[in-house]
C-alpha cells in the first residue's frame, strides 16, 4: 500500500463509554454490553431504527460486570488497528470524531 499512494482515515470516538452506549442503543454485539430500553425501562427493539424517531428516546442498560472489560478490549483493538494501518502506510494518526464535530459545539 505504501507505494500505491492510497491514504485512509481512521476515525474513533475518544469517549469510549459513549461509543459503547451507542453500540448498545443500536443493538450491536447482540447484548454482550447491555441492551436498549425505552423511557419505561422495558427493552426497546427499534435498535438502529431509533434514529428515525427521536420523539421516543432510547437509553442503554449496560451490563456493569462486562462493560469495563469490553472498554479495555476496545482500547486494545483500536491501538492494534492504528498500528497496523500505520505500518502499511495508510494512515498517520487516528482522528477523533469529537474533534471533527467540535465546530458544532463552538458555533
PDB file of N, CA and C in Angstrom:
ATOM      1  N   UNK A   1       0.811  -1.198   0.000  1.00  0.00           N
ATOM      2  CA  UNK A   1       0.000   0.000   0.000  1.00  0.00           C
ATOM      3  C   UNK A   1       0.852   1.260   0.000  1.00  0.00           C
ATOM      4  N   UNK A   2       2.002   1.174   0.638  1.00  0.00           N
ATOM      5  CA  UNK A   2       2.856   2.344   0.763  1.00  0.00           C
ATOM      6  C   UNK A   2       3.175   2.971  -0.599  1.00  0.00           C
ATOM      7  N   UNK A   3       3.468   2.129  -1.590  1.00  0.00           N
ATOM      8  CA  UNK A   3       3.846   2.629  -2.910  1.00  0.00           C
ATOM      9  C   UNK A   3       2.653   3.006  -3.785  1.00  0.00           C
ATOM     10  N   UNK A   4       1.457   2.624  -3.379  1.00  0.00           N
ATOM     11  CA  UNK A   4       0.274   2.889  -4.209  1.00  0.00           C
ATOM     12  C   UNK A   4      -0.231   4.316  -4.085  1.00  0.00           C
ATOM     13  N   UNK A   5       0.169   5.015  -3.035  1.00  0.00           N
ATOM     14  CA  UNK A   5      -0.303   6.381  -2.835  1.00  0.00           C
ATOM     15  C   UNK A   5      -1.671   6.451  -2.161  1.00  0.00           C
ATOM     16  N   UNK A   6      -2.231   5.293  -1.852  1.00  0.00           N
ATOM     17  CA  UNK A   6      -3.545   5.266  -1.191  1.00  0.00           C
ATOM     18  C   UNK A   6      -3.384   5.760   0.243  1.00  0.00           C
ATOM     19  N   UNK A   7      -4.287   6.640   0.644  1.00  0.00           N
ATOM     20  CA  UNK A   7      -4.313   7.136   2.015  1.00  0.00           C
ATOM     21  C   UNK A   7      -5.704   6.897   2.576  1.00  0.00           C
ATOM     22  N   UNK A   8      -5.774   6.720   3.852  1.00  0.00           N
ATOM     23  CA  UNK A   8      -7.050   6.495   4.511  1.00  0.00           C
ATOM     24  C   UNK A   8      -7.162   7.348   5.754  1.00  0.00           C
ATOM     25  N   UNK A   9      -8.296   7.263   6.368  1.00  0.00           N
ATOM     26  CA  UNK A   9      -8.529   7.959   7.632  1.00  0.00           C
ATOM     27  C   UNK A   9      -9.075   6.939   8.624  1.00  0.00           C
ATOM     28  N   UNK A  10      -8.569   6.979   9.805  1.00  0.00           N
ATOM     29  CA  UNK A  10      -9.020   6.109  10.872  1.00  0.00           C
ATOM     30  C   UNK A  10      -9.682   7.004  11.906  1.00  0.00           C
ATOM     31  N   UNK A  11     -10.993   6.853  12.054  1.00  0.00           N
ATOM     32  CA  UNK A  11     -11.759   7.726  12.944  1.00  0.00           C
ATOM     33  C   UNK A  11     -12.309   6.903  14.106  1.00  0.00           C
ATOM     34  N   UNK A  12     -12.022   7.348  15.313  1.00  0.00           N
ATOM     35  CA  UNK A  12     -12.511   6.728  16.540  1.00  0.00           C
ATOM     36  C   UNK A  12     -13.310   7.749  17.327  1.00  0.00           C
ATOM     37  N   UNK A  13     -14.075   7.272  18.269  1.00  0.00           N
ATOM     38  CA  UNK A  13     -14.689   8.127  19.278  1.00  0.00           C
ATOM     39  C   UNK A  13     -13.717   8.166  20.454  1.00  0.00           C
ATOM     40  N   UNK A  14     -13.402   9.328  20.944  1.00  0.00           N
ATOM     41  CA  UNK A  14     -12.484   9.458  22.077  1.00  0.00           C
ATOM     42  C   UNK A  14     -13.153   8.921  23.351  1.00  0.00           C
ATOM     43  N   UNK A  15     -14.424   9.222  23.510  1.00  0.00           N
ATOM     44  CA  UNK A  15     -15.177   8.821  24.692  1.00  0.00           C
ATOM     45  C   UNK A  15     -15.662   7.380  24.497  1.00  0.00           C
ATOM     46  N   UNK A  16     -14.906   6.434  25.018  1.00  0.00           N
ATOM     47  CA  UNK A  16     -15.197   5.014  24.813  1.00  0.00           C
ATOM     48  C   UNK A  16     -16.509   4.600  25.458  1.00  0.00           C
ATOM     49  N   UNK A  17     -16.850   5.180  26.599  1.00  0.00           N
ATOM     50  CA  UNK A  17     -18.120   4.847  27.236  1.00  0.00           C
ATOM     51  C   UNK A  17     -19.284   5.287  26.351  1.00  0.00           C
ATOM     52  N   UNK A  18     -19.208   6.491  25.819  1.00  0.00           N
ATOM     53  CA  UNK A  18     -20.260   6.995  24.938  1.00  0.00           C
ATOM     54  C   UNK A  18     -20.398   6.115  23.695  1.00  0.00           C
ATOM     55  N   UNK A  19     -19.272   5.677  23.151  1.00  0.00           N
ATOM     56  CA  UNK A  19     -19.284   4.799  21.981  1.00  0.00           C
ATOM     57  C   UNK A  19     -19.979   3.480  22.316  1.00  0.00           C
ATOM     58  N   UNK A  20     -19.710   2.948  23.507  1.00  0.00           N
ATOM     59  CA  UNK A  20     -20.354   1.706  23.932  1.00  0.00           C
ATOM     60  C   UNK A  20     -21.854   1.899  24.131  1.00  0.00           C
ATOM     61  N   UNK A  21     -22.261   3.015  24.687  1.00  0.00           N
ATOM     62  CA  UNK A  21     -23.688   3.298  24.853  1.00  0.00           C
ATOM     63  C   UNK A  21     -24.372   3.320  23.485  1.00  0.00           C
ATOM     64  N   UNK A  22     -23.753   3.952  22.508  1.00  0.00           N
ATOM     65  CA  UNK A  22     -24.328   3.976  21.156  1.00  0.00           C
ATOM     66  C   UNK A  22     -24.425   2.568  20.575  1.00  0.00           C
ATOM     67  N   UNK A  23     -23.420   1.758  20.788  1.00  0.00           N
ATOM     68  CA  UNK A  23     -23.440   0.374  20.281  1.00  0.00           C
ATOM     69  C   UNK A  23     -24.602  -0.407  20.902  1.00  0.00           C
ATOM     70  N   UNK A  24     -24.834  -0.204  22.187  1.00  0.00           N
ATOM     71  CA  UNK A  24     -25.941  -0.886  22.852  1.00  0.00           C
ATOM     72  C   UNK A  24     -27.274  -0.374  22.309  1.00  0.00           C
ATOM     73  N   UNK A  25     -27.422   0.938  22.206  1.00  0.00           N
ATOM     74  CA  UNK A  25     -28.685   1.509  21.731  1.00  0.00           C
ATOM     75  C   UNK A  25     -28.993   1.089  20.294  1.00  0.00           C
ATOM     76  N   UNK A  26     -27.955   0.831  19.497  1.00  0.00           N
ATOM     77  CA  UNK A  26     -28.147   0.405  18.101  1.00  0.00           C
ATOM     78  C   UNK A  26     -28.186  -1.114  17.951  1.00  0.00           C
ATOM     79  N   UNK A  27     -28.105  -1.847  19.070  1.00  0.00           N
ATOM     80  CA  UNK A  27     -28.187  -3.322  19.113  1.00  0.00           C
ATOM     81  C   UNK A  27     -27.007  -4.031  18.452  1.00  0.00           C
ATOM     82  N   UNK A  28     -25.822  -3.446  18.492  1.00  0.00           N
ATOM     83  CA  UNK A  28     -24.643  -4.145  18.029  1.00  0.00           C
ATOM     84  C   UNK A  28     -24.139  -5.045  19.159  1.00  0.00           C
ATOM     85  N   UNK A  29     -23.437  -6.072  18.842  1.00  0.00           N
ATOM     86  CA  UNK A  29     -22.846  -7.026  19.797  1.00  0.00           C
ATOM     87  C   UNK A  29     -23.871  -7.940  20.463  1.00  0.00           C
ATOM     88  N   UNK A  30     -25.073  -7.994  19.973  1.00  0.00           N
ATOM     89  CA  UNK A  30     -26.097  -8.947  20.441  1.00  0.00           C
ATOM     90  C   UNK A  30     -26.188  -9.040  21.964  1.00  0.00           C
ATOM     91  N   UNK A  31     -26.196  -7.901  22.634  1.00  0.00           N
ATOM     92  CA  UNK A  31     -26.402  -7.883  24.072  1.00  0.00           C
ATOM     93  C   UNK A  31     -25.185  -8.120  24.926  1.00  0.00           C
ATOM     94  N   UNK A  32     -24.013  -8.235  24.341  1.00  0.00           N
ATOM     95  CA  UNK A  32     -22.804  -8.500  25.123  1.00  0.00           C
ATOM     96  C   UNK A  32     -22.482  -7.353  26.081  1.00  0.00           C
ATOM     97  N   UNK A  33     -22.830  -6.137  25.696  1.00  0.00           N
ATOM     98  CA  UNK A  33     -22.536  -4.967  26.514  1.00  0.00           C
ATOM     99  C   UNK A  33     -23.750  -4.494  27.307  1.00  0.00           C
ATOM    100  N   UNK A  34     -24.923  -4.899  26.884  1.00  0.00           N
ATOM    101  CA  UNK A  34     -26.164  -4.471  27.506  1.00  0.00           C
ATOM    102  C   UNK A  34     -27.270  -4.497  26.464  1.00  0.00           C
ATOM    103  N   UNK A  35     -28.358  -3.805  26.733  1.00  0.00           N
ATOM    104  CA  UNK A  35     -29.441  -3.753  25.753  1.00  0.00           C
ATOM    105  C   UNK A  35     -30.178  -2.420  25.858  1.00  0.00           C
ATOM    106  N   UNK A  36     -30.845  -2.015  24.778  1.00  0.00           N
ATOM    107  CA  UNK A  36     -31.550  -0.736  24.774  1.00  0.00           C
ATOM    108  C   UNK A  36     -32.885  -0.826  25.513  1.00  0.00           C
ATOM    109  N   UNK A  37     -33.223   0.257  26.205  1.00  0.00           N
ATOM    110  CA  UNK A  37     -34.503   0.353  26.896  1.00  0.00           C
ATOM    111  C   UNK A  37     -35.162   1.683  26.567  1.00  0.00           C
ATOM    112  N   UNK A  38     -36.478   1.694  26.647  1.00  0.00           N
ATOM    113  CA  UNK A  38     -37.242   2.915  26.439  1.00  0.00           C
ATOM    114  C   UNK A  38     -37.424   3.662  27.745  1.00  0.00           C
ATOM    115  N   UNK A  39     -38.241   4.720  27.698  1.00  0.00           N
ATOM    116  CA  UNK A  39     -38.490   5.540  28.889  1.00  0.00           C
ATOM    117  C   UNK A  39     -39.104   4.736  30.027  1.00  0.00           C
ATOM    118  N   UNK A  40     -39.839   3.688  29.688  1.00  0.00           N
ATOM    119  CA  UNK A  40     -40.493   2.860  30.697  1.00  0.00           C
ATOM    120  C   UNK A  40     -39.567   1.800  31.291  1.00  0.00           C
ATOM    121  N   UNK A  41     -38.326   1.734  30.821  1.00  0.00           N
ATOM    122  CA  UNK A  41     -37.360   0.769  31.325  1.00  0.00           C
ATOM    123  C   UNK A  41     -37.455  -0.602  30.683  1.00  0.00           C
ATOM    124  N   UNK A  42     -38.396  -0.757  29.750  1.00  0.00           N
ATOM    125  CA  UNK A  42     -38.548  -2.037  29.065  1.00  0.00           C
ATOM    126  C   UNK A  42     -37.668  -2.072  27.827  1.00  0.00           C
ATOM    127  N   UNK A  43     -37.280  -3.272  27.448  1.00  0.00           N
ATOM    128  CA  UNK A  43     -36.408  -3.453  26.284  1.00  0.00           C
ATOM    129  C   UNK A  43     -37.017  -2.769  25.061  1.00  0.00           C
ATOM    130  N   UNK A  44     -36.173  -2.056  24.337  1.00  0.00           N
ATOM    131  CA  UNK A  44     -36.584  -1.349  23.123  1.00  0.00           C
ATOM    132  C   UNK A  44     -35.963  -2.071  21.937  1.00  0.00           C
ATOM    133  N   UNK A  45     -36.791  -2.572  21.042  1.00  0.00           N
ATOM    134  CA  UNK A  45     -36.313  -3.379  19.911  1.00  0.00           C
ATOM    135  C   UNK A  45     -36.082  -2.561  18.636  1.00  0.00           C
ATOM    136  N   UNK A  46     -36.182  -1.241  18.706  1.00  0.00           N
ATOM    137  CA  UNK A  46     -36.026  -0.438  17.484  1.00  0.00           C
ATOM    138  C   UNK A  46     -34.593  -0.395  16.977  1.00  0.00           C
ATOM    139  N   UNK A  47     -33.653  -0.623  17.878  1.00  0.00           N
ATOM    140  CA  UNK A  47     -32.237  -0.679  17.513  1.00  0.00           C
ATOM    141  C   UNK A  47     -31.818   0.529  16.677  1.00  0.00           C
ATOM    142  N   UNK A  48     -31.193   0.298  15.529  1.00  0.00           N
ATOM    143  CA  UNK A  48     -30.687   1.405  14.711  1.00  0.00           C
ATOM    144  C   UNK A  48     -31.820   2.291  14.203  1.00  0.00           C
ATOM    145  N   UNK A  49     -33.011   1.723  14.033  1.00  0.00           N
ATOM    146  CA  UNK A  49     -34.158   2.499  13.557  1.00  0.00           C
ATOM    147  C   UNK A  49     -34.602   3.569  14.549  1.00  0.00           C
ATOM    148  N   UNK A  50     -34.120   3.494  15.790  1.00  0.00           N
ATOM    149  CA  UNK A  50     -34.459   4.512  16.779  1.00  0.00           C
ATOM    150  C   UNK A  50     -34.046   5.903  16.318  1.00  0.00           C
ATOM    151  N   UNK A  51     -33.041   5.951  15.480  1.00  0.00           N
ATOM    152  CA  UNK A  51     -32.531   7.231  14.992  1.00  0.00           C
ATOM    153  C   UNK A  51     -33.540   7.959  14.108  1.00  0.00           C
ATOM    154  N   UNK A  52     -34.498   7.218  13.559  1.00  0.00           N
ATOM    155  CA  UNK A  52     -35.512   7.818  12.687  1.00  0.00           C
ATOM    156  C   UNK A  52     -36.624   8.497  13.481  1.00  0.00           C
ATOM    157  N   UNK A  53     -36.739   8.198  14.774  1.00  0.00           N
ATOM    158  CA  UNK A  53     -37.817   8.746  15.590  1.00  0.00           C
ATOM    159  C   UNK A  53     -37.273   9.236  16.927  1.00  0.00           C
ATOM    160  N   UNK A  54     -36.738  10.456  16.935  1.00  0.00           N
ATOM    161  CA  UNK A  54     -36.146  10.969  18.170  1.00  0.00           C
ATOM    162  C   UNK A  54     -37.184  11.358  19.227  1.00  0.00           C
ATOM    163  N   UNK A  55     -38.477  11.277  18.903  1.00  0.00           N
ATOM    164  CA  UNK A  55     -39.502  11.651  19.880  1.00  0.00           C
ATOM    165  C   UNK A  55     -39.634  10.618  20.999  1.00  0.00           C
ATOM    166  N   UNK A  56     -39.094   9.414  20.798  1.00  0.00           N
ATOM    167  CA  UNK A  56     -39.109   8.375  21.821  1.00  0.00           C
ATOM    168  C   UNK A  56     -37.669   7.998  22.147  1.00  0.00           C
ATOM    169  N   UNK A  57     -37.076   8.643  23.156  1.00  0.00           N
ATOM    170  CA  UNK A  57     -35.665   8.389  23.466  1.00  0.00           C
ATOM    171  C   UNK A  57     -35.403   6.941  23.876  1.00  0.00           C
ATOM    172  N   UNK A  58     -34.205   6.503  23.571  1.00  0.00           N
ATOM    173  CA  UNK A  58     -33.752   5.165  23.935  1.00  0.00           C
ATOM    174  C   UNK A  58     -32.513   5.304  24.808  1.00  0.00           C
ATOM    175  N   UNK A  59     -32.472   4.531  25.883  1.00  0.00           N
ATOM    176  CA  UNK A  59     -31.325   4.513  26.763  1.00  0.00           C
ATOM    177  C   UNK A  59     -30.638   3.161  26.664  1.00  0.00           C
ATOM    178  N   UNK A  60     -29.484   3.075  27.270  1.00  0.00           N
ATOM    179  CA  UNK A  60     -28.742   1.809  27.281  1.00  0.00           C
ATOM    180  C   UNK A  60     -28.679   1.283  28.700  1.00  0.00           C
ATOM    181  N   UNK A  61     -29.106   0.057  28.889  1.00  0.00           N
ATOM    182  CA  UNK A  61     -28.922  -0.636  30.146  1.00  0.00           C
ATOM    183  C   UNK A  61     -27.642  -1.448  29.983  1.00  0.00           C
ATOM    184  N   UNK A  62     -26.580  -0.990  30.622  1.00  0.00           N
ATOM    185  CA  UNK A  62     -25.271  -1.622  30.458  1.00  0.00           C
ATOM    186  C   UNK A  62     -25.082  -2.763  31.446  1.00  0.00           C
ATOM    187  N   UNK A  63     -24.392  -3.790  31.011  1.00  0.00           N
ATOM    188  CA  UNK A  63     -24.017  -4.895  31.889  1.00  0.00           C
ATOM    189  C   UNK A  63     -22.736  -4.474  32.605  1.00  0.00           C
ATOM    190  N   UNK A  64     -22.912  -3.978  33.825  1.00  0.00           N
ATOM    191  CA  UNK A  64     -21.792  -3.392  34.560  1.00  0.00           C
ATOM    192  C   UNK A  64     -20.625  -4.358  34.719  1.00  0.00           C
ATOM    193  N   UNK A  65     -20.922  -5.635  34.900  1.00  0.00           N
ATOM    194  CA  UNK A  65     -19.857  -6.621  35.099  1.00  0.00           C
ATOM    195  C   UNK A  65     -19.007  -6.812  33.846  1.00  0.00           C
ATOM    196  N   UNK A  66     -19.521  -6.441  32.681  1.00  0.00           N
ATOM    197  CA  UNK A  66     -18.793  -6.691  31.432  1.00  0.00           C
ATOM    198  C   UNK A  66     -18.279  -5.421  30.761  1.00  0.00           C
ATOM    199  N   UNK A  67     -18.872  -4.277  31.067  1.00  0.00           N
ATOM    200  CA  UNK A  67     -18.584  -3.084  30.267  1.00  0.00           C
ATOM    201  C   UNK A  67     -17.134  -2.626  30.405  1.00  0.00           C
ATOM    202  N   UNK A  68     -16.555  -2.710  31.590  1.00  0.00           N
ATOM    203  CA  UNK A  68     -15.153  -2.293  31.762  1.00  0.00           C
ATOM    204  C   UNK A  68     -14.244  -3.204  30.945  1.00  0.00           C
ATOM    205  N   UNK A  69     -14.488  -4.497  31.019  1.00  0.00           N
ATOM    206  CA  UNK A  69     -13.713  -5.459  30.227  1.00  0.00           C
ATOM    207  C   UNK A  69     -13.838  -5.150  28.735  1.00  0.00           C
ATOM    208  N   UNK A  70     -15.054  -4.873  28.279  1.00  0.00           N
ATOM    209  CA  UNK A  70     -15.281  -4.557  26.862  1.00  0.00           C
ATOM    210  C   UNK A  70     -14.555  -3.273  26.471  1.00  0.00           C
ATOM    211  N   UNK A  71     -14.605  -2.260  27.342  1.00  0.00           N
ATOM    212  CA  UNK A  71     -13.938  -0.991  27.030  1.00  0.00           C
ATOM    213  C   UNK A  71     -12.427  -1.164  26.975  1.00  0.00           C
ATOM    214  N   UNK A  72     -11.868  -1.976  27.859  1.00  0.00           N
ATOM    215  CA  UNK A  72     -10.429  -2.231  27.824  1.00  0.00           C
ATOM    216  C   UNK A  72     -10.047  -2.956  26.533  1.00  0.00           C
ATOM    217  N   UNK A  73     -10.848  -3.928  26.145  1.00  0.00           N
ATOM    218  CA  UNK A  73     -10.583  -4.668  24.909  1.00  0.00           C
ATOM    219  C   UNK A  73     -10.715  -3.753  23.700  1.00  0.00           C
ATOM    220  N   UNK A  74     -11.733  -2.882  23.704  1.00  0.00           N
ATOM    221  CA  UNK A  74     -11.912  -1.921  22.607  1.00  0.00           C
ATOM    222  C   UNK A  74     -10.672  -1.038  22.448  1.00  0.00           C
ATOM    223  N   UNK A  75     -10.099  -0.610  23.573  1.00  0.00           N
ATOM    224  CA  UNK A  75      -8.901   0.232  23.542  1.00  0.00           C
ATOM    225  C   UNK A  75      -7.731  -0.526  22.929  1.00  0.00           C
ATOM    226  N   UNK A  76      -7.590  -1.802  23.281  1.00  0.00           N
ATOM    227  CA  UNK A  76      -6.523  -2.632  22.701  1.00  0.00           C
ATOM    228  C   UNK A  76      -6.723  -2.806  21.195  1.00  0.00           C
ATOM    229  N   UNK A  77      -7.948  -3.054  20.785  1.00  0.00           N
ATOM    230  CA  UNK A  77      -8.237  -3.236  19.354  1.00  0.00           C
ATOM    231  C   UNK A  77      -7.958  -1.958  18.584  1.00  0.00           C
ATOM    232  N   UNK A  78      -8.334  -0.820  19.142  1.00  0.00           N
ATOM    233  CA  UNK A  78      -8.071   0.464  18.485  1.00  0.00           C
ATOM    234  C   UNK A  78      -6.577   0.679  18.277  1.00  0.00           C
ATOM    235  N   UNK A  79      -5.794   0.436  19.330  1.00  0.00           N
ATOM    236  CA  UNK A  79      -4.343   0.633  19.243  1.00  0.00           C
ATOM    237  C   UNK A  79      -3.739  -0.307  18.206  1.00  0.00           C
ATOM    238  N   UNK A  80      -4.165  -1.566  18.205  1.00  0.00           N
ATOM    239  CA  UNK A  80      -3.665  -2.538  17.243  1.00  0.00           C
ATOM    240  C   UNK A  80      -4.035  -2.149  15.813  1.00  0.00           C
ATOM    241  N   UNK A  81      -5.274  -1.727  15.616  1.00  0.00           N
ATOM    242  CA  UNK A  81      -5.730  -1.320  14.283  1.00  0.00           C
ATOM    243  C   UNK A  81      -4.928  -0.120  13.790  1.00  0.00           C
ATOM    244  N   UNK A  82      -4.752   0.874  14.656  1.00  0.00           N
ATOM    245  CA  UNK A  82      -3.986   2.062  14.272  1.00  0.00           C
ATOM    246  C   UNK A  82      -2.561   1.680  13.892  1.00  0.00           C
ATOM    247  N   UNK A  83      -1.915   0.827  14.693  1.00  0.00           N
ATOM    248  CA  UNK A  83      -0.539   0.417  14.400  1.00  0.00           C
ATOM    249  C   UNK A  83      -0.454  -0.322  13.068  1.00  0.00           C
ATOM    250  N   UNK A  84      -1.379  -1.232  12.818  1.00  0.00           N
ATOM    251  CA  UNK A  84      -1.344  -1.993  11.565  1.00  0.00           C
ATOM    252  C   UNK A  84      -1.509  -1.066  10.351  1.00  0.00           C
ATOM    253  N   UNK A  85      -2.441  -0.142  10.440  1.00  0.00           N
ATOM    254  CA  UNK A  85      -2.663   0.771   9.305  1.00  0.00           C
ATOM    255  C   UNK A  85      -1.497   1.735   9.128  1.00  0.00           C
ATOM    256  N   UNK A  86      -0.877   2.141  10.238  1.00  0.00           N
ATOM    257  CA  UNK A  86       0.306   2.997  10.151  1.00  0.00           C
ATOM    258  C   UNK A  86       1.468   2.223   9.534  1.00  0.00           C
ATOM    259  N   UNK A  87       1.640   0.974   9.930  1.00  0.00           N
ATOM    260  CA  UNK A  87       2.712   0.139   9.378  1.00  0.00           C
ATOM    261  C   UNK A  87       2.542  -0.071   7.873  1.00  0.00           C
ATOM    262  N   UNK A  88       1.300  -0.101   7.403  1.00  0.00           N
ATOM    263  CA  UNK A  88       1.030  -0.262   5.972  1.00  0.00           C
ATOM    264  C   UNK A  88       1.129   1.060   5.218  1.00  0.00           C
ATOM    265  N   UNK A  89       1.282   2.163   5.966  1.00  0.00           N
ATOM    266  CA  UNK A  89       1.386   3.470   5.327  1.00  0.00           C
ATOM    267  C   UNK A  89       0.048   4.065   4.916  1.00  0.00           C
ATOM    268  N   UNK A  90      -1.053   3.531   5.439  1.00  0.00           N
ATOM    269  CA  UNK A  90      -2.381   4.026   5.050  1.00  0.00           C
ATOM    270  C   UNK A  90      -2.825   5.241   5.844  1.00  0.00           C
ATOM    271  N   UNK A  91      -2.458   5.294   7.110  1.00  0.00           N
ATOM    272  CA  UNK A  91      -2.832   6.428   7.957  1.00  0.00           C
ATOM    273  C   UNK A  91      -1.616   6.853   8.764  1.00  0.00           C
ATOM    274  N   UNK A  92      -1.635   8.075   9.228  1.00  0.00           N
ATOM    275  CA  UNK A  92      -0.554   8.538  10.093  1.00  0.00           C
ATOM    276  C   UNK A  92      -1.008   8.520  11.545  1.00  0.00           C
ATOM    277  N   UNK A  93      -2.079   9.209  11.845  1.00  0.00           N
ATOM    278  CA  UNK A  93      -2.587   9.311  13.203  1.00  0.00           C
ATOM    279  C   UNK A  93      -4.099   9.167  13.186  1.00  0.00           C
ATOM    280  N   UNK A  94      -4.661   8.461  14.132  1.00  0.00           N
ATOM    281  CA  UNK A  94      -6.130   8.392  14.187  1.00  0.00           C
ATOM    282  C   UNK A  94      -6.742   9.777  14.395  1.00  0.00           C
ATOM    283  N   UNK A  95      -7.924   9.935  13.892  1.00  0.00           N
ATOM    284  CA  UNK A  95      -8.702  11.164  14.049  1.00  0.00           C
ATOM    285  C   UNK A  95      -9.846  10.831  14.987  1.00  0.00           C
ATOM    286  N   UNK A  96     -10.239  11.773  15.822  1.00  0.00           N
ATOM    287  CA  UNK A  96     -11.341  11.530  16.745  1.00  0.00           C
ATOM    288  C   UNK A  96     -12.589  12.270  16.285  1.00  0.00           C
ATOM    289  N   UNK A  97     -13.703  11.556  16.310  1.00  0.00           N
ATOM    290  CA  UNK A  97     -14.975  12.115  15.850  1.00  0.00           C
ATOM    291  C   UNK A  97     -15.319  13.389  16.605  1.00  0.00           C
ATOM    292  N   UNK A  98     -15.016  13.427  17.898  1.00  0.00           N
ATOM    293  CA  UNK A  98     -15.321  14.617  18.689  1.00  0.00           C
ATOM    294  C   UNK A  98     -14.589  15.844  18.150  1.00  0.00           C
ATOM    295  N   UNK A  99     -13.372  15.657  17.650  1.00  0.00           N
ATOM    296  CA  UNK A  99     -12.621  16.775  17.074  1.00  0.00           C
ATOM    297  C   UNK A  99     -13.250  17.231  15.767  1.00  0.00           C
ATOM    298  N   UNK A 100     -13.710  16.265  14.962  1.00  0.00           N
ATOM    299  CA  UNK A 100     -14.352  16.612  13.701  1.00  0.00           C
ATOM    300  C   UNK A 100     -15.651  17.374  13.924  1.00  0.00           C
ATOM    301  N   UNK A 101     -16.333  17.066  15.001  1.00  0.00           N
ATOM    302  CA  UNK A 101     -17.638  17.670  15.264  1.00  0.00           C
ATOM    303  C   UNK A 101     -17.571  18.837  16.230  1.00  0.00           C
ATOM    304  N   UNK A 102     -16.387  19.185  16.713  1.00  0.00           N
ATOM    305  CA  UNK A 102     -16.267  20.226  17.738  1.00  0.00           C
ATOM    306  C   UNK A 102     -16.754  21.590  17.265  1.00  0.00           C
ATOM    307  N   UNK A 103     -16.704  21.845  15.975  1.00  0.00           N
ATOM    308  CA  UNK A 103     -17.157  23.154  15.481  1.00  0.00           C
ATOM    309  C   UNK A 103     -18.631  23.366  15.824  1.00  0.00           C
ATOM    310  N   UNK A 104     -19.417  22.302  15.913  1.00  0.00           N
ATOM    311  CA  UNK A 104     -20.827  22.437  16.243  1.00  0.00           C
ATOM    312  C   UNK A 104     -21.015  22.949  17.656  1.00  0.00           C
ATOM    313  N   UNK A 105     -20.148  22.545  18.559  1.00  0.00           N
ATOM    314  CA  UNK A 105     -20.257  22.989  19.947  1.00  0.00           C
ATOM    315  C   UNK A 105     -19.721  24.417  20.120  1.00  0.00           C
ATOM    316  N   UNK A 106     -18.838  24.814  19.220  1.00  0.00           N
ATOM    317  CA  UNK A 106     -18.226  26.133  19.335  1.00  0.00           C
ATOM    318  C   UNK A 106     -19.005  27.222  18.616  1.00  0.00           C
ATOM    319  N   UNK A 107     -19.884  26.805  17.711  1.00  0.00           N
ATOM    320  CA  UNK A 107     -20.630  27.786  16.901  1.00  0.00           C
ATOM    321  C   UNK A 107     -21.710  28.463  17.707  1.00  0.00           C
TER     322      UNK A 107
END
